[in-house]
Amino acid sequence: MNTTSSTSSLGFANLQYVQELGKGSFGSVVLAIDADSNQLVAVKKLPRASVQSRYTESELINHSLLRHPHIVKFHKAFLSPSHLNIVMEYVPDGSLLTHIQNNRVLCEDKARWLFQQLIFAVDYCHRKGVANRDIKLDNILLDSSSHGKRDWPILKICDWGYAKHDAKSTAKSRVGTVAYMAPEVLQSKTYDGKTADLWSCGVVLYAMLVGGMPFKNIDGANLGKSLLKLLEDMRGQRFAFPSSLSAPARDLVTRLLCPEPQKRITIAEVMRHAWFAYGLPPSALTMNDAYLKLQRMCAQTEDEIQAIVKRAAMGPEARDASVGSCSSNATTYTAVAAAAPAAAAAKGCTGHSARADARSLARQSPELLQVLSR
């Protein structure tokens, strides 16, 4: 397989293709080796014809601002004749969704270990002014390679496709994945994206502790009625806990899944909660202060990223030379699957998957629009 890589004009390394990791409605993700660093990277390949400048630009710029151990690193973006390519850190052990599917219910200690990492990542993002708006099991990746404890992996958030920065505007788009959406996102014209993120964190915590989702997902055959039922269940907090779950764990989940955003537990309160704080080193509560002081690491400027996305959005016919695009003598991916460790090549992805978002659902059903406006 030969796919054009980046030019060296912006200092991009040659990328050696290893194998495809996953495919979805967005495009595909491939595993590659950065020849300069000899490290595996994940490359998200978006067909240029499908690039939506508004969301893609926001995704890349917001992601490039973030520098945290529990967030997948953004390396760079570049154009090939038919794709916008996004190079990111490779996380080898798959998604939290797959982990739960394989293990069903996680014990409270392990769920706490993962949830603590998630909350510190979300707190960092929020303090940087960024709301994720699509926190879900699929978008959380696991890595046990860095510390050798496969049963206690490091967690990393990987997807910023619906991220919103405070400086841009008030959140009002119904974006995200319905099963993880806060009720105010489904209903309100405007909402606080950071508060909505905490609801999504509550869904993730429930899934880890219970092995399922707190609310039944909508039925595509009857969108209006099933969404109305979903909203009623959310408002009534109609979810169940196993009898074995501790009272502090139940309390935290219940407060995260509070249907009234003004009464929902805040991230500072989560960090002080007895269940969350158990076994947490005191220094952990201030670690984000240090990460917030770090300088932006991405070599590409926001203007360069913006220019790349705008060129991509013009479609595959826009092949003339431009910032970050590929010239005719550009280096290429080289098929070197045999050169990568078999175990590493067989696992992991960037966690991106097709989204069932409320905007696209609403376009399909006038009845759904009526429910959303209630």
Protein backbone atom coordinates (compact mmCIF):
# COMPACT_ATOMS: atom_id res chain seq x y z
CA MET A 1 0.00 0.00 0.00
CA ASN A 2 1.45 3.38 -1.01
CA THR A 3 -0.12 6.50 0.42
CA THR A 4 1.61 9.84 0.21
CA SER A 5 3.15 11.12 3.40
CA SER A 6 4.17 14.62 4.38
CA THR A 7 6.85 16.79 2.88
CA SER A 8 9.94 17.66 4.86
CA SER A 9 9.29 21.41 4.51
CA LEU A 10 7.70 21.57 7.97
CA GLY A 11 10.03 18.99 9.48
CA PHE A 12 7.63 16.04 9.19
CA ALA A 13 9.14 12.58 9.60
CA ASN A 14 8.70 9.80 7.09
CA LEU A 15 5.88 7.48 8.03
CA GLN A 16 6.16 3.77 7.33
CA TYR A 17 2.78 2.07 6.96
CA VAL A 18 2.24 -0.99 9.17
CA GLN A 19 -1.43 -1.93 8.99
CA GLU A 20 -4.98 -0.67 9.23
CA LEU A 21 -6.28 -0.46 12.78
CA GLY A 22 -9.90 0.42 12.20
CA LYS A 23 -12.44 1.86 9.83
CA GLY A 24 -15.65 3.81 10.33
CA SER A 25 -17.93 6.37 8.76
CA PHE A 26 -15.29 9.04 9.43
CA GLY A 27 -12.53 7.29 7.45
CA SER A 28 -9.85 4.95 8.74
CA VAL A 29 -7.03 4.72 11.26
CA VAL A 30 -3.71 3.15 10.34
CA LEU A 31 -0.69 2.15 12.37
CA ALA A 32 2.62 3.56 11.15
CA ILE A 33 6.22 3.92 12.27
CA ASP A 34 7.72 7.38 12.55
CA ALA A 35 11.09 6.69 10.94
CA ASP A 36 12.82 9.55 12.75
CA SER A 37 11.83 8.47 16.26
CA ASN A 38 11.28 4.77 15.45
CA GLN A 39 8.02 4.98 17.41
CA LEU A 40 4.61 3.65 16.46
CA VAL A 41 1.99 6.31 15.73
CA ALA A 42 -1.69 6.22 14.82
CA VAL A 43 -2.76 8.11 11.70
CA LYS A 44 -6.41 9.06 11.33
CA LYS A 45 -7.19 9.39 7.62
CA LEU A 46 -10.18 11.55 6.73
CA PRO A 47 -11.30 11.68 3.08
CA ARG A 48 -10.92 15.29 1.98
CA ALA A 49 -14.38 15.22 0.43
CA SER A 50 -15.91 14.56 3.87
CA VAL A 51 -13.95 17.13 5.90
CA GLN A 52 -16.20 19.65 7.65
CA SER A 53 -13.99 22.66 8.18
CA ARG A 54 -15.79 23.93 11.30
CA TYR A 55 -15.59 20.77 13.40
CA THR A 56 -12.29 19.44 12.07
CA GLU A 57 -10.50 22.73 12.61
CA SER A 58 -11.87 22.93 16.15
CA GLU A 59 -10.87 19.31 16.81
CA LEU A 60 -7.27 19.73 15.71
CA ILE A 61 -6.64 23.13 17.25
CA ASN A 62 -8.16 22.18 20.60
CA HIS A 63 -6.30 18.85 20.63
CA SER A 64 -3.01 20.56 19.80
CA LEU A 65 -3.38 22.78 22.90
CA LEU A 66 -3.51 19.83 25.29
CA ARG A 67 -0.45 18.29 26.93
CA HIS A 68 -1.33 15.77 29.62
CA PRO A 69 -0.41 12.15 30.42
CA HIS A 70 -4.06 11.09 30.22
CA ILE A 71 -4.72 12.64 26.81
CA VAL A 72 -3.53 11.09 23.55
CA LYS A 73 -0.78 13.30 22.11
CA PHE A 74 -1.47 15.21 18.91
CA HIS A 75 1.64 15.23 16.70
CA LYS A 76 0.72 16.89 13.42
CA ALA A 77 -1.66 17.09 10.48
CA PHE A 78 -0.82 16.90 6.79
CA LEU A 79 -2.52 16.50 3.43
CA SER A 80 -2.23 13.78 0.84
CA PRO A 81 -4.08 14.11 -2.49
CA SER A 82 -7.21 12.38 -1.17
CA HIS A 83 -6.98 12.60 2.64
CA LEU A 84 -6.45 14.83 5.63
CA ASN A 85 -4.07 12.85 7.84
CA ILE A 86 -3.90 13.36 11.61
CA VAL A 87 -0.88 11.85 13.35
CA MET A 88 -1.32 10.96 17.02
CA GLU A 89 0.20 8.91 19.80
CA TYR A 90 -0.45 5.19 19.40
CA VAL A 91 -2.13 3.59 22.43
CA PRO A 92 -1.73 -0.20 22.22
CA ASP A 93 -4.34 -1.82 24.46
CA GLY A 94 -7.61 -0.81 22.84
CA SER A 95 -10.60 1.07 24.19
CA LEU A 96 -12.26 1.03 27.59
CA LEU A 97 -15.38 -0.22 25.78
CA THR A 98 -13.56 -3.35 24.62
CA HIS A 99 -12.03 -3.79 28.08
CA ILE A 100 -15.47 -3.76 29.70
CA GLN A 101 -16.92 -6.06 27.05
CA ASN A 102 -14.13 -8.53 27.81
CA ASN A 103 -14.30 -8.20 31.60
CA ARG A 104 -17.94 -7.24 32.20
CA VAL A 105 -17.97 -5.57 35.62
CA LEU A 106 -14.80 -3.98 37.00
CA CYS A 107 -14.08 -4.16 40.71
CA GLU A 108 -14.42 -0.85 42.53
CA ASP A 109 -10.67 -0.45 43.02
CA LYS A 110 -9.94 -0.83 39.32
CA ALA A 111 -12.88 1.36 38.29
CA ARG A 112 -11.65 3.99 40.74
CA TRP A 113 -8.10 3.79 39.32
CA LEU A 114 -9.40 4.46 35.82
CA PHE A 115 -11.98 7.05 36.86
CA GLN A 116 -9.40 9.06 38.79
CA GLN A 117 -7.31 9.32 35.62
CA LEU A 118 -10.36 10.32 33.57
CA ILE A 119 -11.32 13.07 36.00
CA PHE A 120 -7.81 14.50 36.13
CA ALA A 121 -7.75 14.61 32.32
CA VAL A 122 -11.17 16.28 32.16
CA ASP A 123 -10.23 18.76 34.90
CA TYR A 124 -7.10 19.72 32.96
CA CYS A 125 -9.10 20.24 29.76
CA HIS A 126 -11.72 22.32 31.51
CA ARG A 127 -9.07 24.51 33.11
CA LYS A 128 -7.58 24.97 29.64
CA GLY A 129 -11.01 26.20 28.55
CA VAL A 130 -11.92 23.10 26.54
CA ALA A 131 -15.05 20.97 26.96
CA ASN A 132 -14.80 17.59 25.22
CA ARG A 133 -18.56 17.00 24.62
CA ASP A 134 -18.08 13.38 23.51
CA ILE A 135 -16.67 11.49 26.49
CA LYS A 136 -17.55 7.83 26.08
CA LEU A 137 -16.07 4.36 26.47
CA ASP A 138 -15.08 4.20 22.79
CA ASN A 139 -13.04 7.42 23.10
CA ILE A 140 -11.01 6.28 26.10
CA LEU A 141 -7.92 4.21 25.32
CA LEU A 142 -5.80 2.05 27.61
CA ASP A 143 -2.05 1.52 27.77
CA SER A 144 -0.31 -0.95 30.06
CA SER A 145 3.02 -0.83 28.24
CA SER A 146 4.42 2.15 30.14
CA HIS A 147 4.35 0.54 33.58
CA GLY A 148 3.96 -3.16 32.86
CA LYS A 149 0.74 -3.63 34.83
CA ARG A 150 -1.73 -4.93 32.28
CA ASP A 151 -4.57 -5.15 34.80
CA TRP A 152 -4.07 -1.53 35.88
CA PRO A 153 -3.60 0.38 32.62
CA ILE A 154 -3.00 4.05 31.99
CA LEU A 155 -6.07 5.81 30.58
CA LYS A 156 -6.01 8.36 27.75
CA ILE A 157 -8.82 10.38 26.13
CA CYS A 158 -8.43 10.28 22.35
CA ASP A 159 -11.23 12.08 20.48
CA TRP A 160 -11.79 15.85 20.29
CA GLY A 161 -14.13 16.01 17.31
CA TYR A 162 -16.82 17.91 19.21
CA ALA A 163 -14.55 19.85 21.58
CA LYS A 164 -15.56 23.42 22.35
CA HIS A 165 -13.34 26.21 23.65
CA ASP A 166 -14.69 28.84 26.03
CA ALA A 167 -13.29 31.63 23.88
CA LYS A 168 -15.34 30.67 20.83
CA SER A 169 -19.01 30.76 21.86
CA THR A 170 -21.57 29.25 24.21
CA ALA A 171 -22.26 25.58 23.56
CA LYS A 172 -25.62 25.05 21.91
CA SER A 173 -25.15 22.31 19.29
CA ARG A 174 -26.69 18.92 20.07
CA VAL A 175 -23.51 16.97 19.45
CA GLY A 176 -22.01 13.87 20.97
CA THR A 177 -23.32 10.34 21.40
CA VAL A 178 -26.91 10.04 22.62
CA ALA A 179 -26.25 7.31 25.21
CA TYR A 180 -23.75 9.62 26.95
CA MET A 181 -25.53 12.96 26.44
CA ALA A 182 -26.75 14.96 29.39
CA PRO A 183 -30.47 15.79 29.28
CA GLU A 184 -29.76 19.51 28.91
CA VAL A 185 -27.73 18.81 25.75
CA LEU A 186 -30.69 17.01 24.21
CA GLN A 187 -33.09 19.79 25.13
CA SER A 188 -31.53 23.21 25.67
CA LYS A 189 -30.64 25.86 23.16
CA THR A 190 -27.54 26.60 25.23
CA TYR A 191 -25.78 24.57 27.90
CA ASP A 192 -22.53 24.37 29.85
CA GLY A 193 -20.32 21.90 27.99
CA LYS A 194 -18.15 21.27 31.05
CA THR A 195 -21.13 20.37 33.24
CA ALA A 196 -22.39 18.10 30.46
CA ASP A 197 -18.97 16.40 30.38
CA LEU A 198 -19.47 15.39 34.02
CA TRP A 199 -22.74 13.65 33.14
CA SER A 200 -20.85 11.69 30.47
CA CYS A 201 -18.20 10.80 33.06
CA GLY A 202 -21.03 9.48 35.23
CA VAL A 203 -22.21 7.22 32.41
CA VAL A 204 -18.65 5.91 32.00
CA LEU A 205 -18.33 5.24 35.74
CA TYR A 206 -21.69 3.47 35.84
CA ALA A 207 -20.66 1.27 32.90
CA MET A 208 -17.42 0.28 34.64
CA LEU A 209 -19.15 -0.56 37.93
CA VAL A 210 -22.30 -2.20 36.58
CA GLY A 211 -21.24 -3.58 33.20
CA GLY A 212 -24.00 -1.84 31.25
CA MET A 213 -25.46 1.57 30.47
CA PRO A 214 -27.64 3.45 32.97
CA PHE A 215 -30.35 4.20 30.43
CA LYS A 216 -31.76 2.26 27.50
CA ASN A 217 -30.57 3.67 24.18
CA ILE A 218 -33.03 5.10 21.69
CA ASP A 219 -34.81 2.90 19.17
CA GLY A 220 -34.02 3.98 15.63
CA ALA A 221 -37.38 2.69 14.42
CA ASN A 222 -39.30 4.96 16.81
CA LEU A 223 -37.06 7.92 17.49
CA GLY A 224 -39.55 10.35 18.98
CA LYS A 225 -41.14 8.03 21.53
CA SER A 226 -37.92 6.33 22.55
CA LEU A 227 -36.13 9.65 23.05
CA LEU A 228 -39.02 10.94 25.14
CA LYS A 229 -38.76 7.79 27.27
CA LEU A 230 -35.00 8.31 27.58
CA LEU A 231 -35.50 11.88 28.80
CA GLU A 232 -38.12 10.74 31.31
CA ASP A 233 -35.75 8.06 32.64
CA MET A 234 -32.97 10.63 32.93
CA ARG A 235 -35.16 13.09 34.82
CA GLY A 236 -36.37 10.35 37.16
CA GLN A 237 -32.86 8.88 37.59
CA ARG A 238 -34.29 5.48 36.71
CA PHE A 239 -31.19 3.35 36.84
CA ALA A 240 -30.35 0.42 39.10
CA PHE A 241 -27.30 -0.65 41.08
CA PRO A 242 -26.23 -4.17 42.05
CA SER A 243 -26.55 -4.84 45.77
CA SER A 244 -22.80 -5.46 45.98
CA LEU A 245 -21.93 -1.88 45.03
CA SER A 246 -20.78 0.28 47.93
CA ALA A 247 -22.85 3.22 49.16
CA PRO A 248 -20.12 5.79 48.36
CA ALA A 249 -19.91 4.52 44.76
CA ARG A 250 -23.68 4.73 44.36
CA ASP A 251 -23.68 8.24 45.78
CA LEU A 252 -21.03 9.50 43.35
CA VAL A 253 -22.74 8.01 40.30
CA THR A 254 -26.11 9.40 41.39
CA ARG A 255 -24.67 12.89 41.84
CA LEU A 256 -22.93 12.76 38.47
CA LEU A 257 -26.18 11.67 36.80
CA CYS A 258 -28.19 14.46 38.38
CA PRO A 259 -30.60 15.66 35.64
CA GLU A 260 -30.44 19.29 36.80
CA PRO A 261 -27.10 20.74 35.66
CA GLN A 262 -27.12 23.42 38.37
CA LYS A 263 -27.32 20.71 41.06
CA ARG A 264 -24.93 18.24 39.44
CA ILE A 265 -21.72 17.55 41.33
CA THR A 266 -18.82 19.76 40.20
CA ILE A 267 -15.40 18.46 39.29
CA ALA A 268 -13.92 19.96 42.46
CA GLU A 269 -16.57 18.15 44.50
CA VAL A 270 -15.82 14.90 42.65
CA MET A 271 -12.17 15.20 43.71
CA ARG A 272 -13.22 15.63 47.34
CA HIS A 273 -15.73 12.79 47.25
CA ALA A 274 -14.87 9.92 49.62
CA TRP A 275 -15.09 7.22 46.95
CA PHE A 276 -12.93 9.12 44.46
CA ALA A 277 -10.32 10.26 46.99
CA TYR A 278 -9.74 6.81 48.51
CA GLY A 279 -6.09 5.83 48.13
CA LEU A 280 -5.26 8.97 46.15
CA PRO A 281 -1.87 10.53 46.99
CA PRO A 282 -2.37 14.13 48.21
CA SER A 283 0.05 15.36 45.53
CA ALA A 284 -2.29 14.09 42.81
CA LEU A 285 -4.80 16.84 43.57
CA THR A 286 -2.30 19.51 42.51
CA MET A 287 -0.62 17.72 39.60
CA ASN A 288 -2.68 19.56 36.99
CA ASP A 289 -1.23 22.86 38.22
CA ALA A 290 2.13 21.74 36.81
CA TYR A 291 0.67 20.51 33.51
CA LEU A 292 -1.17 23.77 32.99
CA LYS A 293 2.17 25.61 33.05
CA LEU A 294 3.65 23.51 30.24
CA GLN A 295 4.14 25.14 26.87
CA ARG A 296 2.27 23.94 23.79
CA MET A 297 4.36 21.16 22.20
CA CYS A 298 2.89 20.96 18.70
CA ALA A 299 5.34 22.21 16.05
CA GLN A 300 2.47 23.42 13.84
CA THR A 301 0.90 26.75 14.67
CA GLU A 302 -2.86 27.22 14.88
CA ASP A 303 -2.71 29.20 11.63
CA GLU A 304 -0.91 26.34 9.88
CA ILE A 305 -3.45 23.79 11.13
CA GLN A 306 -6.29 26.06 10.03
CA ALA A 307 -4.77 26.40 6.55
CA ILE A 308 -4.37 22.62 6.22
CA VAL A 309 -8.01 22.02 7.18
CA LYS A 310 -9.28 24.69 4.81
CA ARG A 311 -7.33 23.12 1.95
CA ALA A 312 -8.69 19.69 2.88
CA ALA A 313 -12.26 21.00 2.88
CA MET A 314 -11.84 22.14 -0.73
CA GLY A 315 -11.88 18.48 -1.75
CA PRO A 316 -9.52 15.97 -3.35
CA GLU A 317 -9.11 18.01 -6.49
CA ALA A 318 -7.12 20.68 -4.59
CA ARG A 319 -3.69 19.14 -5.15
CA ASP A 320 -1.57 22.21 -5.69
CA ALA A 321 1.21 22.94 -3.22
CA SER A 322 0.10 24.52 0.06
CA VAL A 323 1.15 24.51 3.65
CA GLY A 324 1.34 20.97 4.96
CA SER A 325 0.25 19.37 1.69
CA CYS A 326 2.10 16.73 -0.31
CA SER A 327 4.04 17.56 -3.45
CA SER A 328 4.63 15.08 -6.24
CA ASN A 329 8.07 14.16 -4.81
CA ALA A 330 6.77 13.64 -1.29
CA THR A 331 7.91 10.64 0.65
CA THR A 332 5.49 7.75 0.92
CA TYR A 333 4.25 5.27 3.45
CA THR A 334 6.27 2.08 3.05
CA ALA A 335 4.61 -1.24 3.73
CA VAL A 336 6.69 -2.62 6.59
CA ALA A 337 4.24 -4.64 8.64
CA ALA A 338 6.94 -7.20 9.33
CA ALA A 339 9.15 -4.56 10.92
CA ALA A 340 6.70 -3.80 13.73
CA PRO A 341 6.28 -6.03 16.77
CA ALA A 342 3.41 -8.39 16.01
CA ALA A 343 1.75 -7.85 19.36
CA ALA A 344 1.82 -4.09 19.02
CA ALA A 345 0.56 -4.18 15.45
CA ALA A 346 -2.37 -6.39 16.38
CA LYS A 347 -3.75 -4.21 19.17
CA GLY A 348 -4.96 -0.71 19.78
CA CYS A 349 -6.56 2.04 17.80
CA THR A 350 -7.37 5.68 18.25
CA GLY A 351 -10.84 4.84 19.50
CA HIS A 352 -12.75 6.80 16.89
CA SER A 353 -16.09 5.36 15.87
CA ALA A 354 -19.25 6.44 14.12
CA ARG A 355 -21.34 8.74 16.31
CA ALA A 356 -25.08 8.52 16.83
CA ASP A 357 -25.52 12.22 17.47
CA ALA A 358 -28.73 14.08 18.15
CA ARG A 359 -28.29 16.51 15.26
CA SER A 360 -28.27 13.78 12.62
CA LEU A 361 -31.12 11.93 14.34
CA ALA A 362 -33.20 15.08 14.48
CA ARG A 363 -32.77 15.62 10.75
CA GLN A 364 -34.31 12.20 10.18
CA SER A 365 -37.43 12.75 12.27
CA PRO A 366 -39.72 15.79 12.64
CA GLU A 367 -41.26 13.98 15.62
CA LEU A 368 -37.87 13.94 17.27
CA LEU A 369 -37.52 17.69 16.87
CA GLN A 370 -40.80 18.13 18.75
CA VAL A 371 -39.53 15.97 21.62
CA LEU A 372 -36.24 17.88 21.79
CA SER A 373 -38.07 21.19 22.09
CA ARG A 374 -40.11 20.11 25.13
